[in-house]
């Protein structure tokens, strides 16, 4: 009897397969394919200062935090939206202080010190309230035995801890409200007025106030803020450093993400984040604990602008930063791991993508249309799978069909990412639609930007530097060639375009950190290229680029 050889079925991709989610929060296979990096190692190293992750949308910030949360034992997470701090904008006393021109940075720092202190103590003691109380009692005895007499500063610090002990497990909002209430009561007592009388107390000379009264109220407000438990908190942090968070092998992490969401109105969000960064630097004294936050790059720029205007020292925070940059090789490894996992090793990075006529693989073609970020690559591959129609690998026509949808998606993502900085950016890049690539600054005419510069409702559509440029053009008689250079530079920072400074230079995009472009590099002979990610959605004529 002849043995019939059964033919093995060839593996085919189908629409139900995805190589993961672009968002770390919903990526079920993240831990199975996670790639360790220098950034992760520096964050996990308690003795390493690096604790503020800076990166563009989709560069892997949330993935790093999620990995730490799942891989480490003692991890707490602070959710900005869950803190419910919106009341700070509506606080009568804080609004009054803002009208007085009081810098509330010190109050915000006290707020964060208190929040971090309590969160770390909760993390250390867990749900064991008795363990915490025993520690406080032991601490009181230890200080008395050690010195033979009372230490006023330590006594006040312990009193502070004991006073908060009753409400130790309250949520952050209630603890912050209590701090605000203390400030309010002390100021009203110092000023000798009632809360209801604040509205009638004149702020400016034009409204009938006197310079003496304004100065007096400002002095009292600043005094009250400067005395708002600052000394007690300093002493408690010192006690925690010496008694709890020591170099004993235990590691505690507090993680904060989603600071770019609308967890608090914009007018004070930057100030709160700026104060948080300063406080994180103070907590670096703890040997056994680390506070790690993730900041989107464009939000980081807005925060820095606020620090700069308030006299903050930008350079002193540099040792805290972890910049997320990816190489092509790392992204190839990332896709390789994911592809092998979801296809049960039926496909790998070498046999999954069809070669092109110039011996470039389909995957290399894809990479050229990304900002070298994990989210871009994962999104592009997933979109290609949706269009693959049960093929065994990614053919070039499948990739080019996917590019149409991917390109539109990336352009919308850019609009969302930068709307907080500039508003509705569509009119900023609309002049690019249908343009030949490799154009020069001198090719741009005022008519190309007419809707942007003198369009209706610009005050409502735009903000930040773009709105400032529009106002300069309208009211300050600034020449168009000055304005257009700045517009082009902003589009470069967004990643929509790249700059070729001269014939001997390559085309630089924002992620080429080793060769960053400055505004001074732009001149009339520079060549400007739209990033390949947007060639499809902006209908770019690439003929000149290919020549």
Protein backbone atom coordinates (compact mmCIF):
# COMPACT_ATOMS: atom_id res chain seq x y z
CA UNK A 1 0.00 0.00 0.00
CA UNK A 2 1.40 3.33 -1.04
CA UNK A 3 1.96 5.86 1.67
CA UNK A 4 0.41 9.18 0.71
CA UNK A 5 2.64 12.03 1.74
CA UNK A 6 0.54 14.77 3.28
CA UNK A 7 1.51 18.18 2.02
CA UNK A 8 2.21 20.67 4.76
CA UNK A 9 0.04 23.74 4.58
CA UNK A 10 1.94 26.94 3.97
CA UNK A 11 1.49 29.58 6.69
CA UNK A 12 -0.55 32.61 5.67
CA UNK A 13 -1.13 35.91 7.41
CA UNK A 14 -4.71 36.96 8.08
CA UNK A 15 -6.48 40.03 9.41
CA UNK A 16 -6.85 38.58 12.91
CA UNK A 17 -3.10 38.74 13.51
CA UNK A 18 -1.52 41.86 15.01
CA UNK A 19 2.05 42.30 16.20
CA UNK A 20 0.87 44.18 19.29
CA UNK A 21 -0.85 47.41 20.20
CA UNK A 22 0.74 50.81 19.49
CA UNK A 23 -0.24 51.77 23.08
CA UNK A 24 1.68 50.09 25.90
CA UNK A 25 -1.39 50.18 28.14
CA UNK A 26 -3.29 47.77 25.85
CA UNK A 27 -0.34 45.78 24.49
CA UNK A 28 -0.92 42.25 25.78
CA UNK A 29 2.34 40.82 24.47
CA UNK A 30 4.60 43.64 25.76
CA UNK A 31 6.25 41.60 28.50
CA UNK A 32 6.86 38.62 26.19
CA UNK A 33 8.75 40.70 23.62
CA UNK A 34 10.15 43.52 25.77
CA UNK A 35 13.60 44.72 24.77
CA UNK A 36 15.89 45.74 27.59
CA UNK A 37 17.76 48.96 26.92
CA UNK A 38 20.24 51.33 28.51
CA UNK A 39 17.27 53.57 29.36
CA UNK A 40 15.60 50.77 31.35
CA UNK A 41 18.80 49.85 33.18
CA UNK A 42 19.42 53.47 34.22
CA UNK A 43 15.83 53.77 35.51
CA UNK A 44 16.03 50.54 37.52
CA UNK A 45 19.35 51.58 39.05
CA UNK A 46 18.32 53.34 42.27
CA UNK A 47 21.70 55.06 42.54
CA UNK A 48 21.39 56.48 39.01
CA UNK A 49 19.93 60.01 38.85
CA UNK A 50 18.01 59.42 35.63
CA UNK A 51 14.32 59.43 36.44
CA UNK A 52 12.51 61.69 33.92
CA UNK A 53 11.74 59.95 30.62
CA UNK A 54 11.60 62.41 27.70
CA UNK A 55 10.29 61.28 24.33
CA UNK A 56 7.92 61.94 21.48
CA UNK A 57 4.52 60.26 21.30
CA UNK A 58 4.97 56.54 20.65
CA UNK A 59 8.66 56.36 21.58
CA UNK A 60 8.12 53.84 24.41
CA UNK A 61 7.76 55.94 27.59
CA UNK A 62 4.66 54.16 28.86
CA UNK A 63 6.12 50.78 27.90
CA UNK A 64 9.11 51.40 30.18
CA UNK A 65 6.84 52.32 33.10
CA UNK A 66 4.58 49.33 32.52
CA UNK A 67 7.59 47.00 32.45
CA UNK A 68 8.90 48.42 35.76
CA UNK A 69 5.43 48.13 37.30
CA UNK A 70 5.12 44.46 36.35
CA UNK A 71 8.73 43.43 36.93
CA UNK A 72 9.36 45.05 40.34
CA UNK A 73 7.76 44.18 43.70
CA UNK A 74 7.38 47.54 45.42
CA UNK A 75 5.83 49.89 42.88
CA UNK A 76 3.22 52.61 43.36
CA UNK A 77 1.60 54.56 40.55
CA UNK A 78 0.15 58.06 40.82
CA UNK A 79 -2.59 58.70 38.25
CA UNK A 80 -2.78 62.46 37.56
CA UNK A 81 -6.46 62.32 36.54
CA UNK A 82 -7.36 60.40 39.70
CA UNK A 83 -5.79 63.11 41.86
CA UNK A 84 -8.72 65.46 41.11
CA UNK A 85 -6.65 68.62 41.52
CA UNK A 86 -8.91 70.79 39.35
CA UNK A 87 -10.12 72.58 42.46
CA UNK A 88 -6.73 74.32 42.64
CA UNK A 89 -7.79 76.54 39.72
CA UNK A 90 -11.03 77.49 41.49
CA UNK A 91 -9.51 77.96 44.93
CA UNK A 92 -10.49 81.41 46.23
CA UNK A 93 -7.28 81.94 48.14
CA UNK A 94 -4.95 80.68 45.39
CA UNK A 95 -6.76 82.76 42.77
CA UNK A 96 -6.30 85.78 45.01
CA UNK A 97 -2.58 85.02 45.35
CA UNK A 98 -2.29 84.81 41.55
CA UNK A 99 -3.92 88.22 41.25
CA UNK A 100 -1.34 89.55 43.71
CA UNK A 101 1.38 88.17 41.42
CA UNK A 102 2.61 85.67 44.02
CA UNK A 103 4.82 82.89 42.66
CA UNK A 104 3.07 79.73 43.85
CA UNK A 105 6.00 77.48 42.94
CA UNK A 106 6.94 77.02 46.60
CA UNK A 107 3.37 75.96 47.51
CA UNK A 108 3.29 73.47 44.62
CA UNK A 109 6.63 72.05 45.77
CA UNK A 110 5.28 71.62 49.31
CA UNK A 111 2.24 69.92 47.79
CA UNK A 112 4.36 67.42 45.81
CA UNK A 113 6.68 66.76 48.75
CA UNK A 114 3.69 65.88 50.86
CA UNK A 115 2.16 63.68 48.14
CA UNK A 116 5.41 61.80 47.45
CA UNK A 117 6.19 61.45 51.15
CA UNK A 118 2.81 59.87 51.90
CA UNK A 119 2.86 57.64 48.79
CA UNK A 120 6.31 56.31 49.71
CA UNK A 121 5.25 55.64 53.31
CA UNK A 122 2.13 53.84 52.07
CA UNK A 123 4.30 51.79 49.75
CA UNK A 124 6.73 50.98 52.57
CA UNK A 125 4.16 49.98 55.20
CA UNK A 126 1.51 48.60 52.86
CA UNK A 127 -1.86 48.05 54.53
CA UNK A 128 -0.32 47.49 57.97
CA UNK A 129 -1.51 50.55 59.93
CA UNK A 130 -0.17 49.11 63.20
CA UNK A 131 3.31 48.72 61.71
CA UNK A 132 3.31 52.40 60.82
CA UNK A 133 2.08 53.43 64.27
CA UNK A 134 4.69 51.27 65.99
CA UNK A 135 7.36 52.91 63.83
CA UNK A 136 6.23 56.37 64.91
CA UNK A 137 6.24 55.35 68.60
CA UNK A 138 9.67 53.74 68.27
CA UNK A 139 10.96 56.83 66.50
CA UNK A 140 9.80 59.10 69.35
CA UNK A 141 11.59 56.91 71.91
CA UNK A 142 14.72 56.67 69.79
CA UNK A 143 15.08 60.44 69.44
CA UNK A 144 14.57 60.98 73.18
CA UNK A 145 17.09 58.29 74.13
CA UNK A 146 19.62 59.43 71.56
CA UNK A 147 19.78 63.04 72.71
CA UNK A 148 18.49 62.95 76.28
CA UNK A 149 16.42 66.00 75.47
CA UNK A 150 13.74 66.97 73.03
CA UNK A 151 14.67 68.16 69.56
CA UNK A 152 12.11 70.83 68.55
CA UNK A 153 12.52 70.25 64.81
CA UNK A 154 12.17 66.47 65.06
CA UNK A 155 9.27 66.85 67.50
CA UNK A 156 7.42 69.07 65.04
CA UNK A 157 8.13 66.59 62.25
CA UNK A 158 6.79 63.68 64.29
CA UNK A 159 3.75 65.71 65.33
CA UNK A 160 3.12 66.40 61.65
CA UNK A 161 3.29 62.68 60.84
CA UNK A 162 1.04 61.76 63.73
CA UNK A 163 -1.45 64.49 62.84
CA UNK A 164 -1.69 63.14 59.30
CA UNK A 165 -1.73 59.58 60.59
CA UNK A 166 -5.50 59.65 61.17
CA UNK A 167 -6.14 60.55 57.54
CA UNK A 168 -3.15 58.66 56.20
CA UNK A 169 -5.14 56.59 53.73
CA UNK A 170 -7.22 59.44 52.33
CA UNK A 171 -6.89 60.13 48.62
CA UNK A 172 -4.51 62.77 47.32
CA UNK A 173 -7.23 65.34 46.66
CA UNK A 174 -8.31 65.41 50.31
CA UNK A 175 -4.73 65.71 51.53
CA UNK A 176 -4.02 68.59 49.12
CA UNK A 177 -7.25 70.36 50.09
CA UNK A 178 -6.15 70.19 53.72
CA UNK A 179 -2.85 71.86 52.80
CA UNK A 180 -4.70 74.55 50.88
CA UNK A 181 -7.02 75.09 53.86
CA UNK A 182 -4.06 75.57 56.19
CA UNK A 183 -2.60 78.22 53.86
CA UNK A 184 -5.95 79.98 53.64
CA UNK A 185 -6.59 80.11 57.37
CA UNK A 186 -3.09 81.38 58.16
CA UNK A 187 -3.25 84.12 55.54
CA UNK A 188 -6.69 85.32 56.66
CA UNK A 189 -5.45 85.39 60.24
CA UNK A 190 -2.28 87.30 59.28
CA UNK A 191 -4.21 89.78 57.13
CA UNK A 192 -7.03 90.15 59.65
CA UNK A 193 -9.80 89.65 57.06
CA UNK A 194 -12.57 87.15 56.33
CA UNK A 195 -12.63 84.87 53.28
CA UNK A 196 -15.77 86.59 52.01
CA UNK A 197 -13.99 89.96 52.13
CA UNK A 198 -11.24 88.94 49.66
CA UNK A 199 -13.29 90.04 46.66
CA UNK A 200 -13.62 93.54 48.08
CA UNK A 201 -9.89 93.88 48.86
CA UNK A 202 -8.50 95.92 45.98
CA UNK A 203 -5.52 94.51 44.14
CA UNK A 204 -4.42 97.28 41.80
CA UNK A 205 -3.93 101.01 42.25
CA UNK A 206 -6.43 101.63 39.45
CA UNK A 207 -9.10 99.94 41.54
CA UNK A 208 -8.41 102.11 44.52
CA UNK A 209 -5.84 100.07 46.42
CA UNK A 210 -2.73 101.69 47.85
CA UNK A 211 0.81 100.62 47.11
CA UNK A 212 1.35 100.06 50.82
CA UNK A 213 -1.62 97.70 51.20
CA UNK A 214 -0.69 95.74 48.07
CA UNK A 215 2.89 95.30 49.29
CA UNK A 216 1.65 94.32 52.74
CA UNK A 217 -0.70 91.62 51.45
CA UNK A 218 1.97 90.27 49.11
CA UNK A 219 4.44 90.06 51.97
CA UNK A 220 1.95 88.23 54.18
CA UNK A 221 0.96 85.83 51.40
CA UNK A 222 4.60 84.97 50.63
CA UNK A 223 5.33 84.55 54.35
CA UNK A 224 2.42 82.16 54.85
CA UNK A 225 3.40 80.07 51.80
CA UNK A 226 7.05 79.91 52.85
CA UNK A 227 6.01 78.63 56.29
CA UNK A 228 3.54 76.03 54.99
CA UNK A 229 5.01 72.95 56.68
CA UNK A 230 8.25 73.40 54.75
CA UNK A 231 10.46 72.85 57.79
CA UNK A 232 8.47 69.85 59.00
CA UNK A 233 8.53 68.25 55.56
CA UNK A 234 12.28 68.80 55.26
CA UNK A 235 12.79 67.05 58.60
CA UNK A 236 10.43 64.16 57.75
CA UNK A 237 12.21 63.56 54.45
CA UNK A 238 15.47 63.51 56.37
CA UNK A 239 14.03 60.97 58.85
CA UNK A 240 12.73 58.77 56.01
CA UNK A 241 16.13 58.92 54.32
CA UNK A 242 17.95 57.86 57.51
CA UNK A 243 15.47 55.37 58.97
CA UNK A 244 13.54 53.75 56.12
CA UNK A 245 14.87 54.19 52.60
CA UNK A 246 18.44 53.05 53.05
CA UNK A 247 20.82 50.88 51.07
CA UNK A 248 19.47 47.51 52.28
CA UNK A 249 18.71 45.93 48.92
CA UNK A 250 15.02 46.89 48.91
CA UNK A 251 13.80 49.03 46.01
CA UNK A 252 10.71 51.23 45.93
CA UNK A 253 9.39 52.99 42.82
CA UNK A 254 6.73 55.68 42.36
CA UNK A 255 5.63 56.02 38.71
CA UNK A 256 3.76 58.90 37.05
CA UNK A 257 2.49 58.88 33.46
CA UNK A 258 -0.21 60.64 31.40
CA UNK A 259 0.86 64.13 32.42
CA UNK A 260 -0.10 65.30 28.91
CA UNK A 261 -3.78 64.55 29.57
CA UNK A 262 -6.23 67.19 30.79
CA UNK A 263 -5.89 66.26 34.46
CA UNK A 264 -5.84 69.93 35.39
CA UNK A 265 -6.46 73.14 33.40
CA UNK A 266 -3.49 74.18 31.30
CA UNK A 267 -2.87 77.51 33.05
CA UNK A 268 -1.37 75.82 36.10
CA UNK A 269 -0.46 72.37 34.72
CA UNK A 270 2.97 73.53 33.53
CA UNK A 271 3.68 75.12 36.90
CA UNK A 272 2.71 71.92 38.73
CA UNK A 273 4.89 69.76 36.47
CA UNK A 274 7.80 72.20 36.83
CA UNK A 275 7.50 72.04 40.63
CA UNK A 276 7.27 68.23 40.46
CA UNK A 277 10.56 68.03 38.54
CA UNK A 278 12.28 70.15 41.19
CA UNK A 279 10.92 67.96 43.98
CA UNK A 280 12.00 64.75 42.25
CA UNK A 281 15.53 66.13 42.34
CA UNK A 282 15.17 66.61 46.13
CA UNK A 283 14.04 62.99 46.60
CA UNK A 284 17.18 61.70 44.91
CA UNK A 285 18.73 61.64 48.39
CA UNK A 286 16.78 58.43 49.11
CA UNK A 287 19.00 55.40 48.50
CA UNK A 288 16.21 52.85 48.36
CA UNK A 289 13.52 54.74 46.44
CA UNK A 290 13.03 56.41 43.09
CA UNK A 291 10.31 58.59 41.57
CA UNK A 292 10.04 58.16 37.78
CA UNK A 293 7.89 60.29 35.48
CA UNK A 294 7.27 60.20 31.72
CA UNK A 295 7.01 63.48 29.80
CA UNK A 296 6.03 63.91 26.17
CA UNK A 297 8.67 65.96 24.36
CA UNK A 298 6.39 68.82 23.30
CA UNK A 299 4.94 69.10 26.84
CA UNK A 300 8.49 69.14 28.19
CA UNK A 301 9.23 72.12 25.91
CA UNK A 302 6.20 74.00 27.28
CA UNK A 303 7.27 73.27 30.86
CA UNK A 304 10.82 74.42 30.12
CA UNK A 305 9.48 77.68 28.69
CA UNK A 306 7.74 78.29 32.02
CA UNK A 307 10.87 77.40 34.00
CA UNK A 308 12.92 79.74 31.82
CA UNK A 309 10.54 82.65 32.32
CA UNK A 310 10.51 82.11 36.07
CA UNK A 311 14.28 82.03 36.32
CA UNK A 312 14.66 78.26 36.74
CA UNK A 313 18.02 76.70 35.96
CA UNK A 314 17.39 74.42 33.00
CA UNK A 315 20.84 72.86 33.04
CA UNK A 316 20.61 71.54 36.61
CA UNK A 317 17.87 69.09 35.61
CA UNK A 318 19.77 67.53 32.69
CA UNK A 319 21.26 64.67 34.77
CA UNK A 320 17.68 63.52 35.50
CA UNK A 321 16.64 63.07 31.87
CA UNK A 322 16.38 59.82 29.91
CA UNK A 323 16.00 60.55 26.19
CA UNK A 324 14.35 57.76 24.19
CA UNK A 325 16.00 57.24 20.80
CA UNK A 326 15.80 54.10 18.67
CA UNK A 327 18.16 52.82 15.99
CA UNK A 328 16.99 51.00 12.85
CA UNK A 329 18.62 47.83 14.16
CA UNK A 330 16.70 48.02 17.45
CA UNK A 331 13.38 48.55 15.65
CA UNK A 332 14.15 45.62 13.37
CA UNK A 333 14.74 43.44 16.44
CA UNK A 334 11.51 44.73 17.99
CA UNK A 335 9.45 43.71 14.92
CA UNK A 336 11.34 40.42 14.58
CA UNK A 337 10.45 39.38 18.14
CA UNK A 338 6.82 40.32 17.75
CA UNK A 339 6.44 38.73 14.32
CA UNK A 340 7.91 35.43 15.46
CA UNK A 341 5.72 35.35 18.56
CA UNK A 342 2.37 36.02 16.85
CA UNK A 343 3.11 33.64 13.92
CA UNK A 344 4.48 30.89 16.16
CA UNK A 345 7.89 31.31 14.47
CA UNK A 346 6.47 30.72 10.99
CA UNK A 347 7.69 34.14 9.87
CA UNK A 348 10.87 36.03 10.64
CA UNK A 349 12.10 39.46 9.66
CA UNK A 350 14.14 38.07 6.72
CA UNK A 351 11.47 36.04 4.94
CA UNK A 352 8.44 38.19 5.77
CA UNK A 353 9.16 41.15 3.49
CA UNK A 354 9.54 41.13 -0.29
CA UNK A 355 12.67 42.63 -1.82
CA UNK A 356 12.30 45.64 -4.10
CA UNK A 357 14.03 46.31 -7.43
CA UNK A 358 16.91 48.14 -5.69
CA UNK A 359 17.41 45.24 -3.27
CA UNK A 360 15.75 47.22 -0.47
CA UNK A 361 13.45 45.07 1.64
CA UNK A 362 9.84 46.00 2.25
CA UNK A 363 10.69 46.48 5.93
CA UNK A 364 13.42 49.01 5.09
CA UNK A 365 10.86 50.82 2.91
CA UNK A 366 8.55 50.93 5.96
CA UNK A 367 11.26 52.18 8.32
CA UNK A 368 12.00 55.12 6.01
CA UNK A 369 8.39 56.19 6.53
CA UNK A 370 8.62 56.28 10.32
CA UNK A 371 10.14 58.63 12.89
CA UNK A 372 12.13 55.63 14.16
CA UNK A 373 9.64 55.02 16.97
CA UNK A 374 8.03 51.73 18.05
CA UNK A 375 4.47 53.02 17.65
CA UNK A 376 5.06 54.04 14.01
CA UNK A 377 6.53 50.67 13.05
CA UNK A 378 3.91 48.60 14.89
CA UNK A 379 1.09 50.68 13.35
CA UNK A 380 2.50 50.34 9.82
CA UNK A 381 2.96 46.55 10.07
CA UNK A 382 -0.52 46.09 11.58
CA UNK A 383 -2.03 48.17 8.77
CA UNK A 384 -0.18 46.05 6.22
CA UNK A 385 -1.56 42.86 7.81
CA UNK A 386 -5.09 44.27 7.45
CA UNK A 387 -4.46 44.55 3.70
CA UNK A 388 -2.54 41.30 3.21
CA UNK A 389 -5.47 39.09 2.15
CA UNK A 390 -4.03 35.73 3.29
CA UNK A 391 -0.61 36.09 1.68
CA UNK A 392 2.44 34.31 3.06
CA UNK A 393 4.54 37.49 3.29
CA UNK A 394 4.37 41.26 2.83
CA UNK A 395 4.51 42.07 -0.88
CA UNK A 396 5.37 45.56 -2.05
CA UNK A 397 1.86 46.23 -3.32
CA UNK A 398 0.44 45.28 0.09
CA UNK A 399 2.86 47.68 1.81
CA UNK A 400 2.07 50.54 -0.60
CA UNK A 401 -1.66 50.02 -0.14
CA UNK A 402 -1.19 50.09 3.64
CA UNK A 403 0.89 53.26 3.28
CA UNK A 404 -2.17 55.25 2.17
CA UNK A 405 -3.98 54.58 5.47
CA UNK A 406 -0.82 54.72 7.58
CA UNK A 407 0.18 58.13 6.14
CA UNK A 408 -3.20 59.68 6.96
CA UNK A 409 -3.06 58.22 10.46
CA UNK A 410 0.43 59.65 11.10
CA UNK A 411 -0.59 63.11 9.89
CA UNK A 412 -3.59 63.10 12.24
CA UNK A 413 -1.30 61.93 15.05
CA UNK A 414 1.00 64.93 14.41
CA UNK A 415 -2.01 67.27 14.59
CA UNK A 416 -3.07 65.76 17.92
CA UNK A 417 0.46 65.76 19.34
CA UNK A 418 1.16 69.43 18.65
CA UNK A 419 -2.28 70.98 19.12
CA UNK A 420 -1.44 71.92 22.71
CA UNK A 421 1.58 73.90 21.53
CA UNK A 422 0.19 75.56 18.41
CA UNK A 423 -3.55 74.91 18.04
CA UNK A 424 -4.99 73.78 14.70
CA UNK A 425 -1.88 73.19 12.59
CA UNK A 426 -3.60 72.23 9.30
CA UNK A 427 -3.13 75.75 7.86
CA UNK A 428 0.56 75.55 8.78
CA UNK A 429 1.33 72.65 6.49
CA UNK A 430 -1.41 73.07 3.84
CA UNK A 431 1.07 74.80 1.49
CA UNK A 432 2.86 71.43 1.16
CA UNK A 433 -0.05 69.63 -0.52
CA UNK A 434 0.90 68.59 -4.08
CA UNK A 435 4.31 70.29 -3.88
CA UNK A 436 7.52 69.02 -5.52
CA UNK A 437 9.98 67.72 -2.96
CA UNK A 438 13.35 69.39 -2.54
CA UNK A 439 11.95 72.94 -2.79
CA UNK A 440 13.84 75.94 -1.41
CA UNK A 441 12.83 78.72 0.95
CA UNK A 442 12.98 81.22 -1.90
CA UNK A 443 10.31 79.17 -3.74
CA UNK A 444 7.75 79.98 -1.05
CA UNK A 445 5.39 82.93 -1.63
CA UNK A 446 3.19 84.91 0.73
CA UNK A 447 0.11 83.65 -1.11
CA UNK A 448 1.00 80.11 0.03
CA UNK A 449 0.38 81.20 3.63
CA UNK A 450 -2.48 83.65 3.20
CA UNK A 451 -5.01 81.57 5.17
CA UNK A 452 -2.53 81.11 7.99
CA UNK A 453 -1.37 84.73 8.26
CA UNK A 454 -4.57 86.72 7.72
CA UNK A 455 -7.33 84.12 7.99
CA UNK A 456 -10.44 84.58 10.09
CA UNK A 457 -10.63 83.42 13.73
CA UNK A 458 -6.85 83.06 14.05
CA UNK A 459 -7.06 84.05 17.71
CA UNK A 460 -9.22 80.99 18.35
CA UNK A 461 -7.47 78.59 15.97
CA UNK A 462 -3.84 79.13 16.94
CA UNK A 463 -1.74 79.59 20.06
CA UNK A 464 1.85 79.70 21.26
CA UNK A 465 4.65 80.64 18.88
CA UNK A 466 2.46 80.38 15.77
CA UNK A 467 -0.03 82.91 17.12
CA UNK A 468 2.88 85.19 18.04
CA UNK A 469 4.21 84.97 14.46
CA UNK A 470 0.78 85.83 13.04
CA UNK A 471 0.56 88.88 15.30
CA UNK A 472 4.06 89.99 14.32
CA UNK A 473 3.13 89.76 10.64
CA UNK A 474 -0.14 91.66 11.13
CA UNK A 475 0.83 94.37 13.58
CA UNK A 476 4.61 94.73 13.69
CA UNK A 477 5.40 94.87 9.97
CA UNK A 478 7.79 91.91 10.18
CA UNK A 479 8.89 90.79 6.71
CA UNK A 480 7.51 87.57 5.26
CA UNK A 481 10.96 85.98 4.77
CA UNK A 482 11.54 86.23 8.55
CA UNK A 483 8.13 84.73 9.36
CA UNK A 484 8.40 81.86 6.86
CA UNK A 485 11.78 80.76 8.24
CA UNK A 486 10.24 80.32 11.67
CA UNK A 487 7.23 78.44 10.26
CA UNK A 488 9.55 76.07 8.40
CA UNK A 489 11.62 75.55 11.55
CA UNK A 490 8.51 74.65 13.58
CA UNK A 491 7.46 72.14 10.91
CA UNK A 492 10.99 70.69 11.13
CA UNK A 493 10.62 70.30 14.92
CA UNK A 494 7.31 68.50 14.41
CA UNK A 495 8.98 66.08 12.01
CA UNK A 496 6.86 66.91 8.96
CA UNK A 497 9.86 68.18 6.97
CA UNK A 498 13.62 67.65 6.85
CA UNK A 499 16.33 70.17 5.95
CA UNK A 500 19.30 69.82 3.61
CA UNK A 501 21.63 72.71 4.49
CA UNK A 502 23.73 72.50 1.34
CA UNK A 503 24.93 70.24 -1.51
CA UNK A 504 27.43 68.38 0.70
CA UNK A 505 24.98 67.77 3.57
CA UNK A 506 22.46 64.94 3.99
CA UNK A 507 18.81 65.68 4.76
CA UNK A 508 18.33 66.02 8.52
CA UNK A 509 15.12 65.25 10.36
CA UNK A 510 14.41 66.13 13.99
CA UNK A 511 15.37 62.65 15.26
CA UNK A 512 18.92 62.92 13.83
CA UNK A 513 20.11 64.19 17.21
CA UNK A 514 23.79 64.04 16.30
CA UNK A 515 23.18 66.70 13.63
CA UNK A 516 20.41 68.96 14.90
CA UNK A 517 19.27 71.89 12.79
CA UNK A 518 18.95 75.38 14.30
CA UNK A 519 16.96 78.34 13.02
CA UNK A 520 20.23 79.97 11.91
CA UNK A 521 20.91 77.04 9.57
CA UNK A 522 17.97 78.03 7.38
CA UNK A 523 18.73 80.13 4.33
CA UNK A 524 17.20 80.70 0.89
CA UNK A 525 19.30 77.93 -0.68
CA UNK A 526 18.34 75.22 1.82
CA UNK A 527 16.44 72.33 0.31
CA UNK A 528 13.32 71.16 2.10
CA UNK A 529 11.95 67.63 1.92
CA UNK A 530 8.66 66.35 3.27
CA UNK A 531 9.16 63.26 5.43
CA UNK A 532 8.29 60.09 3.52
CA UNK A 533 5.63 59.25 6.11
CA UNK A 534 3.50 62.04 4.60
CA UNK A 535 4.25 61.65 0.89
CA UNK A 536 0.96 59.83 0.38
CA UNK A 537 -1.36 61.97 2.54
CA UNK A 538 0.10 65.27 1.25
CA UNK A 539 0.32 64.01 -2.37
CA UNK A 540 3.99 65.01 -2.61
CA UNK A 541 5.63 64.87 -6.04
CA UNK A 542 8.85 62.97 -5.30
CA UNK A 543 10.29 63.25 -8.82
CA UNK A 544 13.03 65.71 -7.91
CA UNK A 545 13.97 63.69 -4.82
CA UNK A 546 14.40 60.52 -6.92
CA UNK A 547 16.55 62.34 -9.50
